[in-house]
Amino acid sequence: MNVTIDRGGCIGCGQCAAACPAVFDMA
């Protein structure tokens, strides 16, 4: 599995970091 984020479209809601903090974080 390869996970990427298109940061240009991110709105910074933080849902991903809350759902899976081992993989996602808020910069």
PDB file of all heavy atoms in Angstrom:
ATOM      1  N   MET A   1       0.840  -1.166   0.000  1.00  0.00           N
ATOM      2  CA  MET A   1       0.000   0.000   0.000  1.00  0.00           C
ATOM      3  C   MET A   1       0.891   1.237   0.000  1.00  0.00           C
ATOM      4  O   MET A   1       1.846   1.320   0.761  1.00  0.00           O
ATOM      5  CB  MET A   1      -0.912  -0.017   1.228  1.00  0.00           C
ATOM      6  CG  MET A   1      -1.678   1.269   1.445  1.00  0.00           C
ATOM      7  SD  MET A   1      -2.762   1.243   2.881  1.00  0.00           S
ATOM      8  CE  MET A   1      -4.227   0.567   2.136  1.00  0.00           C
ATOM      9  N   ASN A   2       0.556   2.175  -0.868  1.00  0.00           N
ATOM     10  CA  ASN A   2       1.257   3.448  -0.923  1.00  0.00           C
ATOM     11  C   ASN A   2       0.232   4.560  -0.741  1.00  0.00           C
ATOM     12  O   ASN A   2      -0.745   4.635  -1.476  1.00  0.00           O
ATOM     13  CB  ASN A   2       1.990   3.607  -2.255  1.00  0.00           C
ATOM     14  CG  ASN A   2       2.785   4.881  -2.302  1.00  0.00           C
ATOM     15  OD1 ASN A   2       3.495   5.217  -1.371  1.00  0.00           O
ATOM     16  ND2 ASN A   2       2.653   5.609  -3.387  1.00  0.00           N
ATOM     17  N   VAL A   3       0.454   5.410   0.247  1.00  0.00           N
ATOM     18  CA  VAL A   3      -0.474   6.488   0.573  1.00  0.00           C
ATOM     19  C   VAL A   3       0.180   7.825   0.246  1.00  0.00           C
ATOM     20  O   VAL A   3       1.330   8.071   0.626  1.00  0.00           O
ATOM     21  CB  VAL A   3      -0.857   6.447   2.067  1.00  0.00           C
ATOM     22  CG1 VAL A   3      -1.797   7.580   2.419  1.00  0.00           C
ATOM     23  CG2 VAL A   3      -1.476   5.115   2.429  1.00  0.00           C
ATOM     24  N   THR A   4      -0.556   8.671  -0.468  1.00  0.00           N
ATOM     25  CA  THR A   4      -0.095  10.031  -0.758  1.00  0.00           C
ATOM     26  C   THR A   4      -1.232  11.007  -0.500  1.00  0.00           C
ATOM     27  O   THR A   4      -2.403  10.625  -0.456  1.00  0.00           O
ATOM     28  CB  THR A   4       0.363  10.175  -2.227  1.00  0.00           C
ATOM     29  OG1 THR A   4      -0.727   9.856  -3.091  1.00  0.00           O
ATOM     30  CG2 THR A   4       1.547   9.273  -2.533  1.00  0.00           C
ATOM     31  N   ILE A   5      -0.860  12.275  -0.344  1.00  0.00           N
ATOM     32  CA  ILE A   5      -1.839  13.349  -0.164  1.00  0.00           C
ATOM     33  C   ILE A   5      -1.538  14.434  -1.176  1.00  0.00           C
ATOM     34  O   ILE A   5      -0.387  14.871  -1.308  1.00  0.00           O
ATOM     35  CB  ILE A   5      -1.784  13.952   1.256  1.00  0.00           C
ATOM     36  CG1 ILE A   5      -2.150  12.903   2.306  1.00  0.00           C
ATOM     37  CG2 ILE A   5      -2.729  15.157   1.360  1.00  0.00           C
ATOM     38  CD1 ILE A   5      -2.052  13.407   3.732  1.00  0.00           C
ATOM     39  N   ASP A   6      -2.567  14.895  -1.856  1.00  0.00           N
ATOM     40  CA  ASP A   6      -2.460  16.068  -2.716  1.00  0.00           C
ATOM     41  C   ASP A   6      -2.643  17.275  -1.808  1.00  0.00           C
ATOM     42  O   ASP A   6      -3.759  17.738  -1.575  1.00  0.00           O
ATOM     43  CB  ASP A   6      -3.529  16.033  -3.807  1.00  0.00           C
ATOM     44  CG  ASP A   6      -3.557  17.288  -4.643  1.00  0.00           C
ATOM     45  OD1 ASP A   6      -2.643  18.134  -4.516  1.00  0.00           O
ATOM     46  OD2 ASP A   6      -4.517  17.445  -5.427  1.00  0.00           O
ATOM     47  N   ARG A   7      -1.545  17.748  -1.252  1.00  0.00           N
ATOM     48  CA  ARG A   7      -1.611  18.811  -0.257  1.00  0.00           C
ATOM     49  C   ARG A   7      -2.189  20.107  -0.815  1.00  0.00           C
ATOM     50  O   ARG A   7      -2.716  20.927  -0.080  1.00  0.00           O
ATOM     51  CB  ARG A   7      -0.236  19.047   0.360  1.00  0.00           C
ATOM     52  CG  ARG A   7       0.231  17.814   1.140  1.00  0.00           C
ATOM     53  CD  ARG A   7       1.540  18.030   1.885  1.00  0.00           C
ATOM     54  NE  ARG A   7       1.239  18.741   3.129  1.00  0.00           N
ATOM     55  CZ  ARG A   7       1.785  19.903   3.475  1.00  0.00           C
ATOM     56  NH1 ARG A   7       2.641  20.504   2.689  1.00  0.00           N
ATOM     57  NH2 ARG A   7       1.469  20.472   4.615  1.00  0.00           N
ATOM     58  N   GLY A   8      -2.124  20.292  -2.136  1.00  0.00           N
ATOM     59  CA  GLY A   8      -2.681  21.484  -2.750  1.00  0.00           C
ATOM     60  C   GLY A   8      -4.187  21.586  -2.598  1.00  0.00           C
ATOM     61  O   GLY A   8      -4.750  22.673  -2.631  1.00  0.00           O
ATOM     62  N   GLY A   9      -4.840  20.448  -2.395  1.00  0.00           N
ATOM     63  CA  GLY A   9      -6.283  20.441  -2.231  1.00  0.00           C
ATOM     64  C   GLY A   9      -6.735  20.220  -0.798  1.00  0.00           C
ATOM     65  O   GLY A   9      -7.921  20.260  -0.499  1.00  0.00           O
ATOM     66  N   CYS A  10      -5.794  19.995   0.107  1.00  0.00           N
ATOM     67  CA  CYS A  10      -6.107  19.734   1.512  1.00  0.00           C
ATOM     68  C   CYS A  10      -6.706  20.993   2.151  1.00  0.00           C
ATOM     69  O   CYS A  10      -6.225  22.099   1.932  1.00  0.00           O
ATOM     70  CB  CYS A  10      -4.840  19.315   2.247  1.00  0.00           C
ATOM     71  SG  CYS A  10      -5.080  18.970   4.014  1.00  0.00           S
ATOM     72  N   ILE A  11      -7.760  20.780   2.960  1.00  0.00           N
ATOM     73  CA  ILE A  11      -8.376  21.906   3.668  1.00  0.00           C
ATOM     74  C   ILE A  11      -7.998  21.924   5.148  1.00  0.00           C
ATOM     75  O   ILE A  11      -8.466  22.766   5.907  1.00  0.00           O
ATOM     76  CB  ILE A  11      -9.906  21.902   3.501  1.00  0.00           C
ATOM     77  CG1 ILE A  11     -10.515  20.605   4.043  1.00  0.00           C
ATOM     78  CG2 ILE A  11     -10.285  22.142   2.035  1.00  0.00           C
ATOM     79  CD1 ILE A  11     -12.050  20.605   4.107  1.00  0.00           C
ATOM     80  N   GLY A  12      -7.175  20.968   5.573  1.00  0.00           N
ATOM     81  CA  GLY A  12      -6.677  20.960   6.942  1.00  0.00           C
ATOM     82  C   GLY A  12      -7.704  20.593   7.996  1.00  0.00           C
ATOM     83  O   GLY A  12      -7.602  21.040   9.128  1.00  0.00           O
ATOM     84  N   CYS A  13      -8.663  19.761   7.653  1.00  0.00           N
ATOM     85  CA  CYS A  13      -9.702  19.402   8.622  1.00  0.00           C
ATOM     86  C   CYS A  13      -9.183  18.482   9.727  1.00  0.00           C
ATOM     87  O   CYS A  13      -9.745  18.437  10.809  1.00  0.00           O
ATOM     88  CB  CYS A  13     -10.910  18.784   7.929  1.00  0.00           C
ATOM     89  SG  CYS A  13     -10.658  17.100   7.337  1.00  0.00           S
ATOM     90  N   GLY A  14      -8.128  17.717   9.454  1.00  0.00           N
ATOM     91  CA  GLY A  14      -7.522  16.847  10.456  1.00  0.00           C
ATOM     92  C   GLY A  14      -8.172  15.492  10.621  1.00  0.00           C
ATOM     93  O   GLY A  14      -7.769  14.708  11.481  1.00  0.00           O
ATOM     94  N   GLN A  15      -9.154  15.181   9.810  1.00  0.00           N
ATOM     95  CA  GLN A  15      -9.845  13.896   9.924  1.00  0.00           C
ATOM     96  C   GLN A  15      -8.891  12.727   9.750  1.00  0.00           C
ATOM     97  O   GLN A  15      -8.974  11.745  10.473  1.00  0.00           O
ATOM     98  CB  GLN A  15     -11.000  13.839   8.920  1.00  0.00           C
ATOM     99  CG  GLN A  15     -11.833  12.577   8.968  1.00  0.00           C
ATOM    100  CD  GLN A  15     -11.232  11.399   8.202  1.00  0.00           C
ATOM    101  OE1 GLN A  15     -10.469  11.573   7.260  1.00  0.00           O
ATOM    102  NE2 GLN A  15     -11.539  10.210   8.643  1.00  0.00           N
ATOM    103  N   CYS A  16      -7.987  12.827   8.802  1.00  0.00           N
ATOM    104  CA  CYS A  16      -7.062  11.717   8.538  1.00  0.00           C
ATOM    105  C   CYS A  16      -6.127  11.477   9.724  1.00  0.00           C
ATOM    106  O   CYS A  16      -5.892  10.329  10.103  1.00  0.00           O
ATOM    107  CB  CYS A  16      -6.264  11.962   7.259  1.00  0.00           C
ATOM    108  SG  CYS A  16      -5.310  13.494   7.248  1.00  0.00           S
ATOM    109  N   ALA A  17      -5.620  12.551  10.303  1.00  0.00           N
ATOM    110  CA  ALA A  17      -4.728  12.422  11.458  1.00  0.00           C
ATOM    111  C   ALA A  17      -5.458  11.839  12.659  1.00  0.00           C
ATOM    112  O   ALA A  17      -4.877  11.088  13.443  1.00  0.00           O
ATOM    113  CB  ALA A  17      -4.114  13.773  11.797  1.00  0.00           C
ATOM    114  N   ALA A  18      -6.733  12.167  12.801  1.00  0.00           N
ATOM    115  CA  ALA A  18      -7.525  11.605  13.896  1.00  0.00           C
ATOM    116  C   ALA A  18      -7.821  10.128  13.643  1.00  0.00           C
ATOM    117  O   ALA A  18      -7.803   9.330  14.573  1.00  0.00           O
ATOM    118  CB  ALA A  18      -8.831  12.387  14.052  1.00  0.00           C
ATOM    119  N   ALA A  19      -8.078   9.763  12.392  1.00  0.00           N
ATOM    120  CA  ALA A  19      -8.431   8.383  12.052  1.00  0.00           C
ATOM    121  C   ALA A  19      -7.235   7.439  12.088  1.00  0.00           C
ATOM    122  O   ALA A  19      -7.372   6.274  12.466  1.00  0.00           O
ATOM    123  CB  ALA A  19      -9.079   8.336  10.672  1.00  0.00           C
ATOM    124  N   CYS A  20      -6.060   7.937  11.685  1.00  0.00           N
ATOM    125  CA  CYS A  20      -4.879   7.079  11.582  1.00  0.00           C
ATOM    126  C   CYS A  20      -3.623   7.896  11.897  1.00  0.00           C
ATOM    127  O   CYS A  20      -2.839   8.224  10.999  1.00  0.00           O
ATOM    128  CB  CYS A  20      -4.817   6.465  10.186  1.00  0.00           C
ATOM    129  SG  CYS A  20      -3.573   5.171  10.023  1.00  0.00           S
ATOM    130  N   PRO A  21      -3.411   8.221  13.169  1.00  0.00           N
ATOM    131  CA  PRO A  21      -2.286   9.096  13.544  1.00  0.00           C
ATOM    132  C   PRO A  21      -0.905   8.501  13.302  1.00  0.00           C
ATOM    133  O   PRO A  21       0.079   9.246  13.241  1.00  0.00           O
ATOM    134  CB  PRO A  21      -2.522   9.368  15.029  1.00  0.00           C
ATOM    135  CG  PRO A  21      -3.375   8.240  15.498  1.00  0.00           C
ATOM    136  CD  PRO A  21      -4.217   7.836  14.313  1.00  0.00           C
ATOM    137  N   ALA A  22      -0.811   7.200  13.134  1.00  0.00           N
ATOM    138  CA  ALA A  22       0.485   6.587  12.850  1.00  0.00           C
ATOM    139  C   ALA A  22       0.954   6.902  11.432  1.00  0.00           C
ATOM    140  O   ALA A  22       2.144   6.886  11.152  1.00  0.00           O
ATOM    141  CB  ALA A  22       0.413   5.077  13.043  1.00  0.00           C
ATOM    142  N   VAL A  23       0.021   7.226  10.544  1.00  0.00           N
ATOM    143  CA  VAL A  23       0.340   7.460   9.135  1.00  0.00           C
ATOM    144  C   VAL A  23       0.222   8.935   8.764  1.00  0.00           C
ATOM    145  O   VAL A  23       1.020   9.448   7.989  1.00  0.00           O
ATOM    146  CB  VAL A  23      -0.569   6.597   8.226  1.00  0.00           C
ATOM    147  CG1 VAL A  23      -0.346   6.915   6.750  1.00  0.00           C
ATOM    148  CG2 VAL A  23      -0.318   5.119   8.498  1.00  0.00           C
ATOM    149  N   PHE A  24      -0.765   9.623   9.343  1.00  0.00           N
ATOM    150  CA  PHE A  24      -1.028  11.022   8.993  1.00  0.00           C
ATOM    151  C   PHE A  24      -0.784  11.944  10.177  1.00  0.00           C
ATOM    152  O   PHE A  24      -0.992  11.564  11.325  1.00  0.00           O
ATOM    153  CB  PHE A  24      -2.488  11.193   8.538  1.00  0.00           C
ATOM    154  CG  PHE A  24      -2.876  10.306   7.401  1.00  0.00           C
ATOM    155  CD1 PHE A  24      -3.556   9.121   7.618  1.00  0.00           C
ATOM    156  CD2 PHE A  24      -2.556  10.645   6.092  1.00  0.00           C
ATOM    157  CE1 PHE A  24      -3.913   8.287   6.569  1.00  0.00           C
ATOM    158  CE2 PHE A  24      -2.907   9.823   5.039  1.00  0.00           C
ATOM    159  CZ  PHE A  24      -3.585   8.638   5.277  1.00  0.00           C
ATOM    160  N   ASP A  25      -0.382  13.158   9.862  1.00  0.00           N
ATOM    161  CA  ASP A  25      -0.164  14.183  10.881  1.00  0.00           C
ATOM    162  C   ASP A  25      -0.476  15.524  10.240  1.00  0.00           C
ATOM    163  O   ASP A  25      -0.525  15.648   9.011  1.00  0.00           O
ATOM    164  CB  ASP A  25       1.296  14.136  11.350  1.00  0.00           C
ATOM    165  CG  ASP A  25       1.535  14.952  12.609  1.00  0.00           C
ATOM    166  OD1 ASP A  25       0.566  15.343  13.274  1.00  0.00           O
ATOM    167  OD2 ASP A  25       2.711  15.190  12.932  1.00  0.00           O
ATOM    168  N   MET A  26      -0.668  16.516  11.066  1.00  0.00           N
ATOM    169  CA  MET A  26      -0.883  17.864  10.569  1.00  0.00           C
ATOM    170  C   MET A  26       0.453  18.603  10.625  1.00  0.00           C
ATOM    171  O   MET A  26       1.094  18.672  11.676  1.00  0.00           O
ATOM    172  CB  MET A  26      -1.937  18.581  11.413  1.00  0.00           C
ATOM    173  CG  MET A  26      -3.295  17.864  11.433  1.00  0.00           C
ATOM    174  SD  MET A  26      -3.955  17.446   9.819  1.00  0.00           S
ATOM    175  CE  MET A  26      -4.382  19.060   9.213  1.00  0.00           C
ATOM    176  N   ALA A  27       0.870  19.126   9.494  1.00  0.00           N
ATOM    177  CA  ALA A  27       2.139  19.844   9.398  1.00  0.00           C
ATOM    178  C   ALA A  27       1.994  21.240  10.006  1.00  0.00           C
ATOM    179  O   ALA A  27       0.881  21.704  10.301  1.00  0.00           O
ATOM    180  CB  ALA A  27       2.563  19.948   7.933  1.00  0.00           C
TER     181      ALA A  27
END
